[in-house]
Amino acid sequence: MSKVTFHGLPAWVGAILGPTICELWNRDPTQLHWDRTLLHTVDLAMTPSAAVAGRITVPQIEVDDHTGSGGRTTIGPMWPGGAAIGACWFSDNCLARLGLSAKSRLPVEVDGHDYEYMTIQYFNGEQGNRRFYGFHANLLQVQNQLSLVEIWNPGTGAGSAKSAGAWWLDLTAAADPNTPRLAPKKPAALFLEVGTVRTLRLFEPKIPPSVGTFVFSSESP
């Protein structure tokens, strides 16, 4: 089974090195005194869709696809003309290569858990080409195959914000089977398949925190 976990971080493009290659800060550069030693180089063409097309291997994936191509990255995707401020969803391998610490994986000034900024993408095996988004959730009731689950909009689960609502879901079909299951009345991580997420009308996390929220795209794969 081949899969990649992506982590959403804020991104400010500091230099453009090619049509899809850039250097970026993962924190507001005004707070970093525009320190160019803190720039990280990524290629926005090294994406899941490129791996599916056979142009790269799965371990070579650096970032998620742009939102216009079904992913969650909002910078780029190409220059000139691409967005210079937004979100970049880095793969585990890319984060390790860049030497980003665990602390830096969570956007600053947010009230969310790290898993609320995570996406799991499968490429083969039993899960095929399925994608799951991370949420903070609380299992309230179980009736036969259905579970009543309280869910928070991403980026709000660790603070005082109210949940976005509660829904009856078949978690056997809708949740990632390879992550821990929810225990009753013990709020924790829940990774939901993207098709289910679209029906719940939840909001994408605010990355950077200063940007507005928007509903998960109905065009996501």
N, C-alpha and C. Protein backbone atom coordinates (compact mmCIF):
# COMPACT_ATOMS: atom_id res chain seq x y z
N MET A 1 0.84 -1.19 0.00
CA MET A 1 0.00 0.00 0.00
C MET A 1 0.88 1.24 0.00
N SER A 2 0.63 2.12 -0.95
CA SER A 2 1.41 3.35 -1.08
C SER A 2 0.53 4.54 -0.73
N LYS A 3 1.02 5.39 0.19
CA LYS A 3 0.26 6.57 0.56
C LYS A 3 1.21 7.71 0.91
N VAL A 4 0.67 8.93 0.87
CA VAL A 4 1.42 10.13 1.24
C VAL A 4 0.54 10.94 2.18
N THR A 5 1.13 11.46 3.25
CA THR A 5 0.44 12.37 4.16
C THR A 5 0.92 13.79 3.88
N PHE A 6 -0.02 14.69 3.69
CA PHE A 6 0.30 16.10 3.44
C PHE A 6 -0.04 16.93 4.68
N HIS A 7 0.78 17.98 4.90
CA HIS A 7 0.59 18.89 6.02
C HIS A 7 0.44 20.31 5.47
N GLY A 8 -0.66 20.97 5.81
CA GLY A 8 -0.90 22.32 5.30
C GLY A 8 -0.19 23.37 6.12
N LEU A 9 0.62 24.18 5.45
CA LEU A 9 1.34 25.27 6.10
C LEU A 9 1.14 26.56 5.32
N PRO A 10 1.19 27.71 6.01
CA PRO A 10 1.15 28.99 5.29
C PRO A 10 2.37 29.11 4.39
N ALA A 11 2.23 29.87 3.32
CA ALA A 11 3.35 30.02 2.39
C ALA A 11 3.38 31.44 1.83
N TRP A 12 4.56 32.05 1.90
CA TRP A 12 4.82 33.35 1.28
C TRP A 12 5.98 33.15 0.30
N VAL A 13 5.73 33.30 -0.97
CA VAL A 13 6.76 33.08 -1.98
C VAL A 13 7.76 34.23 -1.93
N GLY A 14 9.05 33.88 -1.78
CA GLY A 14 10.10 34.89 -1.70
C GLY A 14 10.95 34.99 -2.94
N ALA A 15 10.92 33.94 -3.77
CA ALA A 15 11.69 33.96 -5.01
C ALA A 15 11.11 32.94 -5.97
N ILE A 16 11.12 33.27 -7.25
CA ILE A 16 10.65 32.37 -8.30
C ILE A 16 11.86 31.91 -9.10
N LEU A 17 12.07 30.59 -9.13
CA LEU A 17 13.24 30.02 -9.79
C LEU A 17 12.92 29.38 -11.13
N GLY A 18 11.65 29.25 -11.43
CA GLY A 18 11.23 28.63 -12.67
C GLY A 18 9.73 28.63 -12.76
N PRO A 19 9.13 28.05 -13.81
CA PRO A 19 7.67 28.06 -13.96
C PRO A 19 6.92 27.46 -12.78
N THR A 20 7.52 26.46 -12.10
CA THR A 20 6.83 25.82 -10.97
C THR A 20 7.71 25.75 -9.72
N ILE A 21 8.95 26.20 -9.80
CA ILE A 21 9.89 26.10 -8.67
C ILE A 21 9.98 27.45 -7.98
N CYS A 22 9.89 27.43 -6.65
CA CYS A 22 9.96 28.68 -5.91
C CYS A 22 10.64 28.46 -4.57
N GLU A 23 11.02 29.57 -3.95
CA GLU A 23 11.48 29.56 -2.57
C GLU A 23 10.41 30.27 -1.75
N LEU A 24 10.09 29.71 -0.59
CA LEU A 24 9.01 30.29 0.21
C LEU A 24 9.35 30.27 1.69
N TRP A 25 8.69 31.19 2.41
CA TRP A 25 8.71 31.18 3.87
C TRP A 25 7.43 30.50 4.34
N ASN A 26 7.50 29.75 5.44
CA ASN A 26 6.29 29.16 6.00
C ASN A 26 5.76 29.97 7.19
N ARG A 27 6.34 31.16 7.39
CA ARG A 27 5.83 32.14 8.35
C ARG A 27 5.89 33.51 7.70
N ASP A 28 5.10 34.42 8.21
CA ASP A 28 5.06 35.78 7.66
C ASP A 28 6.47 36.36 7.64
N PRO A 29 7.00 36.70 6.46
CA PRO A 29 8.38 37.18 6.38
C PRO A 29 8.61 38.49 7.12
N THR A 30 7.57 39.29 7.34
CA THR A 30 7.76 40.52 8.10
C THR A 30 8.12 40.21 9.55
N GLN A 31 7.65 39.05 10.06
CA GLN A 31 8.00 38.64 11.42
C GLN A 31 9.37 37.97 11.47
N LEU A 32 9.85 37.56 10.31
CA LEU A 32 11.17 36.91 10.22
C LEU A 32 12.25 37.89 9.77
N HIS A 33 11.88 39.18 9.66
CA HIS A 33 12.81 40.22 9.21
C HIS A 33 13.35 39.91 7.81
N TRP A 34 12.52 39.25 7.01
CA TRP A 34 12.86 38.94 5.62
C TRP A 34 14.17 38.14 5.51
N ASP A 35 14.38 37.27 6.47
CA ASP A 35 15.59 36.46 6.52
C ASP A 35 15.56 35.41 5.41
N ARG A 36 16.37 35.58 4.39
CA ARG A 36 16.35 34.69 3.23
C ARG A 36 16.97 33.32 3.53
N THR A 37 17.67 33.19 4.64
CA THR A 37 18.20 31.87 5.01
C THR A 37 17.08 30.94 5.47
N LEU A 38 15.90 31.50 5.72
CA LEU A 38 14.75 30.69 6.17
C LEU A 38 13.82 30.31 5.02
N LEU A 39 14.21 30.61 3.80
CA LEU A 39 13.42 30.20 2.63
C LEU A 39 13.58 28.71 2.36
N HIS A 40 12.53 28.09 1.86
CA HIS A 40 12.54 26.68 1.51
C HIS A 40 12.19 26.52 0.04
N THR A 41 12.94 25.68 -0.67
CA THR A 41 12.72 25.49 -2.10
C THR A 41 11.80 24.30 -2.36
N VAL A 42 10.77 24.51 -3.16
CA VAL A 42 9.84 23.44 -3.54
C VAL A 42 9.51 23.55 -5.01
N ASP A 43 9.12 22.43 -5.58
CA ASP A 43 8.68 22.38 -6.97
C ASP A 43 7.20 22.02 -6.96
N LEU A 44 6.37 22.96 -7.32
CA LEU A 44 4.92 22.77 -7.27
C LEU A 44 4.41 21.81 -8.35
N ALA A 45 5.30 21.31 -9.20
CA ALA A 45 4.91 20.32 -10.21
C ALA A 45 5.09 18.89 -9.70
N MET A 46 5.70 18.73 -8.53
CA MET A 46 5.95 17.39 -7.97
C MET A 46 4.78 17.01 -7.09
N THR A 47 3.69 16.60 -7.71
CA THR A 47 2.40 16.44 -7.06
C THR A 47 1.83 15.03 -7.23
N PRO A 48 0.74 14.72 -6.52
CA PRO A 48 0.09 13.42 -6.71
C PRO A 48 -0.35 13.16 -8.14
N SER A 49 -0.88 14.19 -8.82
CA SER A 49 -1.31 13.97 -10.20
C SER A 49 -0.14 13.63 -11.10
N ALA A 50 1.04 14.19 -10.82
CA ALA A 50 2.23 13.85 -11.60
C ALA A 50 2.63 12.40 -11.35
N ALA A 51 2.46 11.93 -10.12
CA ALA A 51 2.78 10.54 -9.81
C ALA A 51 1.80 9.59 -10.49
N VAL A 52 0.51 9.94 -10.46
CA VAL A 52 -0.51 9.10 -11.12
C VAL A 52 -0.25 9.02 -12.62
N ALA A 53 0.23 10.14 -13.20
CA ALA A 53 0.53 10.17 -14.63
C ALA A 53 1.84 9.48 -14.98
N GLY A 54 2.62 9.08 -13.97
CA GLY A 54 3.87 8.38 -14.21
C GLY A 54 5.06 9.27 -14.46
N ARG A 55 4.92 10.58 -14.26
CA ARG A 55 6.04 11.50 -14.50
C ARG A 55 7.05 11.46 -13.36
N ILE A 56 6.60 11.13 -12.15
CA ILE A 56 7.47 10.99 -10.99
C ILE A 56 7.01 9.78 -10.19
N THR A 57 7.80 9.36 -9.22
CA THR A 57 7.39 8.28 -8.34
C THR A 57 6.70 8.86 -7.11
N VAL A 58 5.96 8.05 -6.40
CA VAL A 58 5.25 8.52 -5.21
C VAL A 58 6.21 9.11 -4.17
N PRO A 59 7.38 8.48 -3.88
CA PRO A 59 8.29 9.08 -2.90
C PRO A 59 8.83 10.45 -3.32
N GLN A 60 8.76 10.78 -4.61
CA GLN A 60 9.26 12.07 -5.08
C GLN A 60 8.25 13.21 -4.91
N ILE A 61 7.04 12.90 -4.52
CA ILE A 61 6.03 13.94 -4.35
C ILE A 61 6.47 14.93 -3.29
N GLU A 62 6.40 16.22 -3.61
CA GLU A 62 6.78 17.26 -2.66
C GLU A 62 5.57 17.98 -2.06
N VAL A 63 4.59 18.28 -2.89
CA VAL A 63 3.44 19.06 -2.43
C VAL A 63 2.15 18.51 -3.04
N ASP A 64 1.04 18.87 -2.42
CA ASP A 64 -0.25 18.50 -2.97
C ASP A 64 -0.53 19.33 -4.22
N ASP A 65 -1.44 18.84 -5.04
CA ASP A 65 -1.84 19.59 -6.23
C ASP A 65 -2.51 20.91 -5.84
N HIS A 66 -2.56 21.81 -6.79
CA HIS A 66 -3.26 23.08 -6.61
C HIS A 66 -4.77 22.81 -6.50
N THR A 67 -5.48 23.73 -5.85
CA THR A 67 -6.92 23.56 -5.72
C THR A 67 -7.62 23.44 -7.07
N GLY A 68 -7.07 24.08 -8.08
CA GLY A 68 -7.65 24.00 -9.41
C GLY A 68 -7.52 22.63 -10.04
N SER A 69 -6.65 21.78 -9.46
CA SER A 69 -6.45 20.42 -9.97
C SER A 69 -6.87 19.37 -8.94
N GLY A 70 -7.69 19.79 -7.97
CA GLY A 70 -8.22 18.84 -7.00
C GLY A 70 -7.45 18.70 -5.73
N GLY A 71 -6.35 19.46 -5.56
CA GLY A 71 -5.57 19.38 -4.33
C GLY A 71 -5.94 20.50 -3.37
N ARG A 72 -5.02 20.83 -2.45
CA ARG A 72 -5.31 21.85 -1.44
C ARG A 72 -4.30 23.00 -1.43
N THR A 73 -3.25 22.91 -2.24
CA THR A 73 -2.28 24.00 -2.31
C THR A 73 -2.90 25.19 -3.05
N THR A 74 -2.66 26.40 -2.52
CA THR A 74 -3.27 27.59 -3.15
C THR A 74 -2.25 28.55 -3.73
N ILE A 75 -0.96 28.36 -3.47
CA ILE A 75 0.03 29.19 -4.15
C ILE A 75 0.30 28.62 -5.53
N GLY A 76 0.85 29.44 -6.41
CA GLY A 76 1.13 28.99 -7.77
C GLY A 76 -0.16 28.85 -8.57
N PRO A 77 -0.33 27.79 -9.37
CA PRO A 77 0.61 26.66 -9.49
C PRO A 77 1.76 26.89 -10.46
N MET A 78 1.69 28.00 -11.23
CA MET A 78 2.76 28.33 -12.16
C MET A 78 2.97 29.83 -12.15
N TRP A 79 4.13 30.24 -12.65
CA TRP A 79 4.44 31.66 -12.79
C TRP A 79 4.92 31.93 -14.22
N PRO A 80 4.68 33.16 -14.70
CA PRO A 80 4.03 34.28 -14.01
C PRO A 80 2.52 34.07 -13.88
N GLY A 81 1.93 34.81 -12.96
CA GLY A 81 0.48 34.78 -12.79
C GLY A 81 -0.01 34.00 -11.60
N GLY A 82 0.85 33.18 -10.98
CA GLY A 82 0.41 32.38 -9.86
C GLY A 82 0.34 33.17 -8.56
N ALA A 83 -0.42 32.65 -7.60
CA ALA A 83 -0.56 33.32 -6.30
C ALA A 83 0.73 33.20 -5.50
N ALA A 84 1.10 34.26 -4.80
CA ALA A 84 2.35 34.30 -4.04
C ALA A 84 2.14 34.14 -2.54
N ILE A 85 0.91 34.24 -2.07
CA ILE A 85 0.60 34.06 -0.65
C ILE A 85 -0.58 33.10 -0.54
N GLY A 86 -0.46 32.10 0.31
CA GLY A 86 -1.54 31.15 0.48
C GLY A 86 -1.10 29.95 1.27
N ALA A 87 -1.57 28.78 0.88
CA ALA A 87 -1.26 27.54 1.57
C ALA A 87 -0.42 26.63 0.69
N CYS A 88 0.53 25.93 1.30
CA CYS A 88 1.27 24.90 0.61
C CYS A 88 1.17 23.63 1.46
N TRP A 89 0.67 22.59 0.86
CA TRP A 89 0.50 21.32 1.56
C TRP A 89 1.67 20.41 1.21
N PHE A 90 2.60 20.28 2.18
CA PHE A 90 3.85 19.55 1.98
C PHE A 90 3.69 18.07 2.30
N SER A 91 4.38 17.23 1.53
CA SER A 91 4.43 15.80 1.85
C SER A 91 5.37 15.57 3.03
N ASP A 92 5.19 14.43 3.69
CA ASP A 92 6.10 14.06 4.78
C ASP A 92 7.55 14.06 4.32
N ASN A 93 7.78 13.47 3.15
CA ASN A 93 9.15 13.39 2.65
C ASN A 93 9.74 14.78 2.42
N CYS A 94 8.93 15.69 1.89
CA CYS A 94 9.42 17.05 1.62
C CYS A 94 9.72 17.77 2.93
N LEU A 95 8.86 17.62 3.93
CA LEU A 95 9.12 18.26 5.22
C LEU A 95 10.42 17.77 5.82
N ALA A 96 10.66 16.46 5.71
CA ALA A 96 11.91 15.90 6.25
C ALA A 96 13.11 16.46 5.50
N ARG A 97 13.00 16.57 4.17
CA ARG A 97 14.11 17.11 3.37
C ARG A 97 14.40 18.56 3.73
N LEU A 98 13.35 19.32 3.98
CA LEU A 98 13.52 20.74 4.30
C LEU A 98 13.94 20.96 5.76
N GLY A 99 13.85 19.91 6.58
CA GLY A 99 14.25 20.04 7.97
C GLY A 99 13.28 20.83 8.82
N LEU A 100 12.00 20.84 8.42
CA LEU A 100 11.00 21.56 9.19
C LEU A 100 10.65 20.75 10.43
N SER A 101 10.62 21.40 11.59
CA SER A 101 10.35 20.71 12.85
C SER A 101 8.87 20.40 12.99
N ALA A 102 8.57 19.54 13.95
CA ALA A 102 7.17 19.19 14.20
C ALA A 102 6.37 20.42 14.58
N LYS A 103 6.97 21.34 15.33
CA LYS A 103 6.27 22.55 15.76
C LYS A 103 5.90 23.41 14.57
N SER A 104 6.77 23.46 13.59
CA SER A 104 6.51 24.33 12.44
C SER A 104 5.45 23.76 11.52
N ARG A 105 5.04 22.53 11.74
CA ARG A 105 4.03 21.93 10.87
C ARG A 105 2.63 22.46 11.14
N LEU A 106 2.43 23.08 12.31
CA LEU A 106 1.12 23.63 12.64
C LEU A 106 1.15 25.14 12.44
N PRO A 107 0.26 25.68 11.60
CA PRO A 107 0.25 27.13 11.39
C PRO A 107 0.11 27.87 12.71
N VAL A 108 0.79 29.00 12.83
CA VAL A 108 0.75 29.77 14.06
C VAL A 108 -0.60 30.48 14.20
N GLU A 109 -0.94 30.83 15.42
CA GLU A 109 -2.15 31.59 15.73
C GLU A 109 -3.41 30.84 15.30
N VAL A 110 -3.47 29.53 15.55
CA VAL A 110 -4.66 28.77 15.22
C VAL A 110 -5.12 28.02 16.46
N ASP A 111 -6.36 27.57 16.42
CA ASP A 111 -6.92 26.81 17.53
C ASP A 111 -7.23 25.39 17.09
N GLY A 112 -6.34 24.82 16.34
CA GLY A 112 -6.56 23.48 15.82
C GLY A 112 -5.46 22.51 16.20
N HIS A 113 -5.75 21.23 16.04
CA HIS A 113 -4.76 20.18 16.22
C HIS A 113 -4.01 19.95 14.91
N ASP A 114 -2.84 19.31 15.00
CA ASP A 114 -2.07 19.10 13.78
C ASP A 114 -2.82 18.28 12.76
N TYR A 115 -3.64 17.31 13.20
CA TYR A 115 -4.35 16.46 12.24
C TYR A 115 -5.44 17.21 11.48
N GLU A 116 -5.83 18.38 11.97
CA GLU A 116 -6.80 19.18 11.24
C GLU A 116 -6.17 19.84 10.01
N TYR A 117 -4.87 19.77 9.92
CA TYR A 117 -4.12 20.32 8.78
C TYR A 117 -3.41 19.19 8.03
N MET A 118 -4.04 18.02 8.02
CA MET A 118 -3.44 16.86 7.36
C MET A 118 -4.41 16.24 6.35
N THR A 119 -3.85 15.74 5.26
CA THR A 119 -4.57 14.99 4.23
C THR A 119 -3.80 13.70 3.97
N ILE A 120 -4.52 12.61 3.86
CA ILE A 120 -3.91 11.32 3.52
C ILE A 120 -4.37 10.92 2.13
N GLN A 121 -3.42 10.68 1.24
CA GLN A 121 -3.72 10.28 -0.14
C GLN A 121 -3.16 8.89 -0.39
N TYR A 122 -4.03 7.96 -0.79
CA TYR A 122 -3.61 6.61 -1.16
C TYR A 122 -3.42 6.53 -2.68
N PHE A 123 -2.56 5.61 -3.09
CA PHE A 123 -2.28 5.47 -4.52
C PHE A 123 -2.53 4.06 -5.05
N ASN A 124 -2.60 3.08 -4.18
CA ASN A 124 -2.87 1.71 -4.63
C ASN A 124 -3.36 0.90 -3.44
N GLY A 125 -3.43 -0.41 -3.61
CA GLY A 125 -3.91 -1.28 -2.54
C GLY A 125 -5.42 -1.21 -2.40
N GLU A 126 -5.92 -1.65 -1.26
CA GLU A 126 -7.36 -1.71 -1.03
C GLU A 126 -8.03 -0.34 -1.10
N GLN A 127 -7.30 0.71 -0.75
CA GLN A 127 -7.89 2.04 -0.74
C GLN A 127 -7.80 2.75 -2.10
N GLY A 128 -7.13 2.11 -3.06
CA GLY A 128 -7.08 2.67 -4.40
C GLY A 128 -6.54 4.08 -4.41
N ASN A 129 -7.28 4.98 -5.05
CA ASN A 129 -6.86 6.38 -5.17
C ASN A 129 -7.70 7.27 -4.25
N ARG A 130 -7.97 6.80 -3.04
CA ARG A 130 -8.83 7.53 -2.13
C ARG A 130 -8.04 8.60 -1.36
N ARG A 131 -8.77 9.64 -0.95
CA ARG A 131 -8.18 10.75 -0.21
C ARG A 131 -9.04 11.03 1.02
N PHE A 132 -8.36 11.32 2.15
CA PHE A 132 -9.04 11.57 3.40
C PHE A 132 -8.53 12.86 4.03
N TYR A 133 -9.47 13.66 4.59
CA TYR A 133 -9.14 14.91 5.26
C TYR A 133 -9.26 14.73 6.77
N GLY A 134 -8.36 15.37 7.53
CA GLY A 134 -8.37 15.25 8.98
C GLY A 134 -9.28 16.26 9.66
N PHE A 135 -10.02 15.80 10.68
CA PHE A 135 -10.92 16.65 11.45
C PHE A 135 -10.82 16.30 12.93
N HIS A 136 -11.23 17.25 13.77
CA HIS A 136 -11.44 16.97 15.19
C HIS A 136 -12.90 16.55 15.33
N ALA A 137 -13.13 15.41 15.99
CA ALA A 137 -14.48 14.86 16.03
C ALA A 137 -14.76 14.17 17.36
N ASN A 138 -16.05 14.02 17.64
CA ASN A 138 -16.49 13.39 18.88
C ASN A 138 -17.62 12.42 18.56
N LEU A 139 -17.45 11.15 18.91
CA LEU A 139 -18.47 10.13 18.65
C LEU A 139 -19.54 10.19 19.75
N LEU A 140 -20.77 10.53 19.37
CA LEU A 140 -21.84 10.72 20.34
C LEU A 140 -22.70 9.48 20.54
N GLN A 141 -23.07 8.83 19.44
CA GLN A 141 -23.94 7.65 19.51
C GLN A 141 -23.60 6.68 18.39
N VAL A 142 -23.99 5.43 18.58
CA VAL A 142 -23.85 4.42 17.53
C VAL A 142 -25.16 3.64 17.45
N GLN A 143 -25.69 3.54 16.24
CA GLN A 143 -26.89 2.74 15.99
C GLN A 143 -26.66 1.90 14.75
N ASN A 144 -26.50 0.59 14.99
CA ASN A 144 -26.21 -0.35 13.90
C ASN A 144 -24.95 0.10 13.16
N GLN A 145 -25.05 0.38 11.85
CA GLN A 145 -23.88 0.76 11.05
C GLN A 145 -23.60 2.25 11.09
N LEU A 146 -24.50 3.02 11.69
CA LEU A 146 -24.35 4.47 11.65
C LEU A 146 -23.85 5.02 12.98
N SER A 147 -23.05 6.10 12.88
CA SER A 147 -22.50 6.77 14.05
C SER A 147 -22.87 8.24 13.98
N LEU A 148 -23.33 8.78 15.11
CA LEU A 148 -23.59 10.21 15.20
C LEU A 148 -22.31 10.89 15.64
N VAL A 149 -21.73 11.70 14.75
CA VAL A 149 -20.40 12.26 14.98
C VAL A 149 -20.48 13.79 14.97
N GLU A 150 -19.96 14.39 16.02
CA GLU A 150 -19.83 15.83 16.11
C GLU A 150 -18.49 16.22 15.49
N ILE A 151 -18.48 17.22 14.60
CA ILE A 151 -17.27 17.56 13.84
C ILE A 151 -17.03 19.07 13.92
N TRP A 152 -15.76 19.44 14.06
CA TRP A 152 -15.36 20.84 14.08
C TRP A 152 -14.76 21.23 12.74
N ASN A 153 -14.97 22.47 12.32
CA ASN A 153 -14.28 22.96 11.14
C ASN A 153 -12.78 22.96 11.40
N PRO A 154 -11.97 22.57 10.42
CA PRO A 154 -10.52 22.48 10.63
C PRO A 154 -9.93 23.81 11.12
N GLY A 155 -9.07 23.70 12.12
CA GLY A 155 -8.45 24.87 12.69
C GLY A 155 -9.15 25.42 13.90
N THR A 156 -10.26 24.78 14.33
CA THR A 156 -11.04 25.28 15.47
C THR A 156 -11.19 24.24 16.58
N GLY A 157 -10.73 23.03 16.36
CA GLY A 157 -11.01 21.93 17.28
C GLY A 157 -10.32 21.98 18.62
N ALA A 158 -9.27 22.78 18.75
CA ALA A 158 -8.52 22.82 20.01
C ALA A 158 -8.87 24.04 20.85
N GLY A 159 -9.75 24.90 20.34
CA GLY A 159 -10.10 26.11 21.06
C GLY A 159 -11.48 26.04 21.66
N SER A 160 -12.10 27.19 21.80
CA SER A 160 -13.41 27.27 22.43
C SER A 160 -14.55 27.31 21.41
N ALA A 161 -14.22 27.20 20.14
CA ALA A 161 -15.25 27.28 19.10
C ALA A 161 -16.22 26.11 19.19
N LYS A 162 -17.48 26.38 18.85
CA LYS A 162 -18.47 25.32 18.81
C LYS A 162 -18.21 24.44 17.59
N SER A 163 -18.70 23.23 17.67
CA SER A 163 -18.56 22.32 16.53
C SER A 163 -19.41 22.83 15.37
N ALA A 164 -19.10 22.34 14.17
CA ALA A 164 -19.87 22.73 12.99
C ALA A 164 -21.21 22.02 12.94
N GLY A 165 -21.35 20.95 13.73
CA GLY A 165 -22.60 20.20 13.74
C GLY A 165 -22.34 18.74 14.01
N ALA A 166 -23.40 17.96 13.95
CA ALA A 166 -23.31 16.51 14.16
C ALA A 166 -24.05 15.81 13.03
N TRP A 167 -23.47 14.74 12.52
CA TRP A 167 -24.03 14.02 11.39
C TRP A 167 -24.00 12.51 11.64
N TRP A 168 -25.01 11.81 11.10
CA TRP A 168 -25.00 10.35 11.11
C TRP A 168 -24.18 9.87 9.92
N LEU A 169 -23.12 9.11 10.20
CA LEU A 169 -22.22 8.65 9.15
C LEU A 169 -21.95 7.16 9.30
N ASP A 170 -21.72 6.52 8.17
CA ASP A 170 -21.23 5.15 8.16
C ASP A 170 -19.71 5.22 8.14
N LEU A 171 -19.09 5.18 9.31
CA LEU A 171 -17.64 5.36 9.39
C LEU A 171 -16.87 4.22 8.75
N THR A 172 -17.48 3.06 8.64
CA THR A 172 -16.80 1.95 7.98
C THR A 172 -16.52 2.29 6.53
N ALA A 173 -17.44 3.02 5.90
CA ALA A 173 -17.28 3.39 4.50
C ALA A 173 -16.62 4.75 4.33
N ALA A 174 -16.85 5.67 5.29
CA ALA A 174 -16.44 7.06 5.09
C ALA A 174 -15.10 7.42 5.72
N ALA A 175 -14.63 6.66 6.71
CA ALA A 175 -13.41 7.01 7.43
C ALA A 175 -12.23 6.15 6.98
N ASP A 176 -11.04 6.70 7.13
CA ASP A 176 -9.81 5.97 6.80
C ASP A 176 -9.68 4.76 7.73
N PRO A 177 -9.68 3.56 7.20
CA PRO A 177 -9.61 2.37 8.06
C PRO A 177 -8.24 2.14 8.67
N ASN A 178 -7.24 2.88 8.22
CA ASN A 178 -5.88 2.67 8.72
C ASN A 178 -5.47 3.68 9.79
N THR A 179 -6.41 4.48 10.26
CA THR A 179 -6.16 5.38 11.39
C THR A 179 -7.05 4.95 12.55
N PRO A 180 -6.67 5.27 13.79
CA PRO A 180 -7.45 4.80 14.95
C PRO A 180 -8.91 5.22 14.89
N ARG A 181 -9.79 4.31 15.32
CA ARG A 181 -11.21 4.62 15.33
C ARG A 181 -11.55 5.50 16.53
N LEU A 182 -12.65 6.26 16.37
CA LEU A 182 -13.11 7.09 17.47
C LEU A 182 -13.68 6.23 18.58
N ALA A 183 -13.41 6.63 19.82
CA ALA A 183 -14.02 6.01 20.98
C ALA A 183 -15.14 6.91 21.47
N PRO A 184 -16.25 6.36 21.96
CA PRO A 184 -17.38 7.20 22.39
C PRO A 184 -16.98 8.25 23.42
N LYS A 185 -17.44 9.49 23.15
CA LYS A 185 -17.26 10.63 24.05
C LYS A 185 -15.79 10.95 24.34
N LYS A 186 -14.90 10.59 23.42
CA LYS A 186 -13.49 10.92 23.55
C LYS A 186 -13.03 11.63 22.27
N PRO A 187 -13.19 12.94 22.19
CA PRO A 187 -12.84 13.69 20.97
C PRO A 187 -11.41 13.41 20.52
N ALA A 188 -11.26 13.19 19.23
CA ALA A 188 -9.94 12.83 18.67
C ALA A 188 -9.97 13.06 17.17
N ALA A 189 -8.92 12.56 16.51
CA ALA A 189 -8.79 12.72 15.06
C ALA A 189 -9.73 11.79 14.32
N LEU A 190 -10.30 12.32 13.24
CA LEU A 190 -11.12 11.53 12.33
C LEU A 190 -10.76 11.94 10.91
N PHE A 191 -10.38 10.96 10.09
CA PHE A 191 -10.04 11.23 8.69
C PHE A 191 -11.18 10.74 7.81
N LEU A 192 -11.85 11.70 7.16
CA LEU A 192 -13.02 11.40 6.35
C LEU A 192 -12.71 11.47 4.87
N GLU A 193 -13.30 10.54 4.13
CA GLU A 193 -13.13 10.48 2.68
C GLU A 193 -13.70 11.74 2.05
N VAL A 194 -13.02 12.25 1.03
CA VAL A 194 -13.34 13.56 0.47
C VAL A 194 -14.77 13.64 -0.03
N GLY A 195 -15.31 12.56 -0.56
CA GLY A 195 -16.70 12.58 -1.03
C GLY A 195 -17.68 12.85 0.08
N THR A 196 -17.42 12.30 1.25
CA THR A 196 -18.27 12.55 2.42
C THR A 196 -18.11 13.99 2.88
N VAL A 197 -16.88 14.49 2.89
CA VAL A 197 -16.62 15.87 3.33
C VAL A 197 -17.42 16.86 2.50
N ARG A 198 -17.51 16.64 1.22
CA ARG A 198 -18.23 17.57 0.34
C ARG A 198 -19.69 17.70 0.74
N THR A 199 -20.30 16.62 1.25
CA THR A 199 -21.72 16.65 1.59
C THR A 199 -21.99 17.36 2.91
N LEU A 200 -20.98 17.57 3.73
CA LEU A 200 -21.18 18.14 5.06
C LEU A 200 -21.10 19.66 5.09
N ARG A 201 -20.61 20.27 4.04
CA ARG A 201 -20.49 21.73 3.94
C ARG A 201 -19.62 22.30 5.05
N LEU A 202 -18.51 21.64 5.30
CA LEU A 202 -17.53 22.15 6.26
C LEU A 202 -16.59 23.11 5.56
N PHE A 203 -15.85 23.90 6.35
CA PHE A 203 -14.96 24.90 5.80
C PHE A 203 -13.52 24.43 5.78
N GLU A 204 -12.79 24.85 4.75
CA GLU A 204 -11.35 24.61 4.70
C GLU A 204 -10.67 25.39 5.83
N PRO A 205 -9.53 24.91 6.32
CA PRO A 205 -8.79 25.69 7.32
C PRO A 205 -8.28 27.00 6.74
N LYS A 206 -8.14 28.01 7.59
CA LYS A 206 -7.64 29.32 7.15
C LYS A 206 -6.13 29.29 7.14
N ILE A 207 -5.54 29.24 5.96
CA ILE A 207 -4.09 29.21 5.80
C ILE A 207 -3.69 30.24 4.74
N PRO A 208 -2.95 31.30 5.14
CA PRO A 208 -2.60 31.74 6.50
C PRO A 208 -3.86 32.11 7.29
N PRO A 209 -3.73 32.25 8.62
CA PRO A 209 -4.91 32.56 9.44
C PRO A 209 -5.62 33.85 9.05
N SER A 210 -4.93 34.77 8.36
CA SER A 210 -5.53 36.05 7.99
C SER A 210 -6.49 35.95 6.81
N VAL A 211 -6.47 34.85 6.07
CA VAL A 211 -7.34 34.73 4.90
C VAL A 211 -8.73 34.29 5.32
N GLY A 212 -9.71 34.52 4.45
CA GLY A 212 -11.07 34.09 4.74
C GLY A 212 -11.24 32.60 4.55
N THR A 213 -12.33 32.07 5.10
CA THR A 213 -12.62 30.65 4.95
C THR A 213 -13.48 30.42 3.72
N PHE A 214 -13.48 29.20 3.22
CA PHE A 214 -14.36 28.84 2.13
C PHE A 214 -14.73 27.37 2.25
N VAL A 215 -15.89 27.04 1.73
CA VAL A 215 -16.40 25.68 1.83
C VAL A 215 -15.55 24.75 1.00
N PHE A 216 -15.37 23.51 1.48
CA PHE A 216 -14.62 22.52 0.72
C PHE A 216 -15.20 22.41 -0.69
N SER A 217 -14.32 22.47 -1.68
CA SER A 217 -14.74 22.50 -3.08
C SER A 217 -15.48 21.24 -3.47
N SER A 218 -16.56 21.43 -4.20
CA SER A 218 -17.29 20.28 -4.74
C SER A 218 -16.58 19.67 -5.92
N GLU A 219 -15.47 20.31 -6.36
CA GLU A 219 -14.69 19.79 -7.48
C GLU A 219 -13.54 18.92 -7.04
N SER A 220 -13.35 18.75 -5.72
CA SER A 220 -12.25 17.92 -5.24
C SER A 220 -12.46 16.48 -5.67
N PRO A 221 -11.36 15.69 -5.91
CA PRO A 221 -11.52 14.32 -6.37
C PRO A 221 -12.04 13.45 -5.26
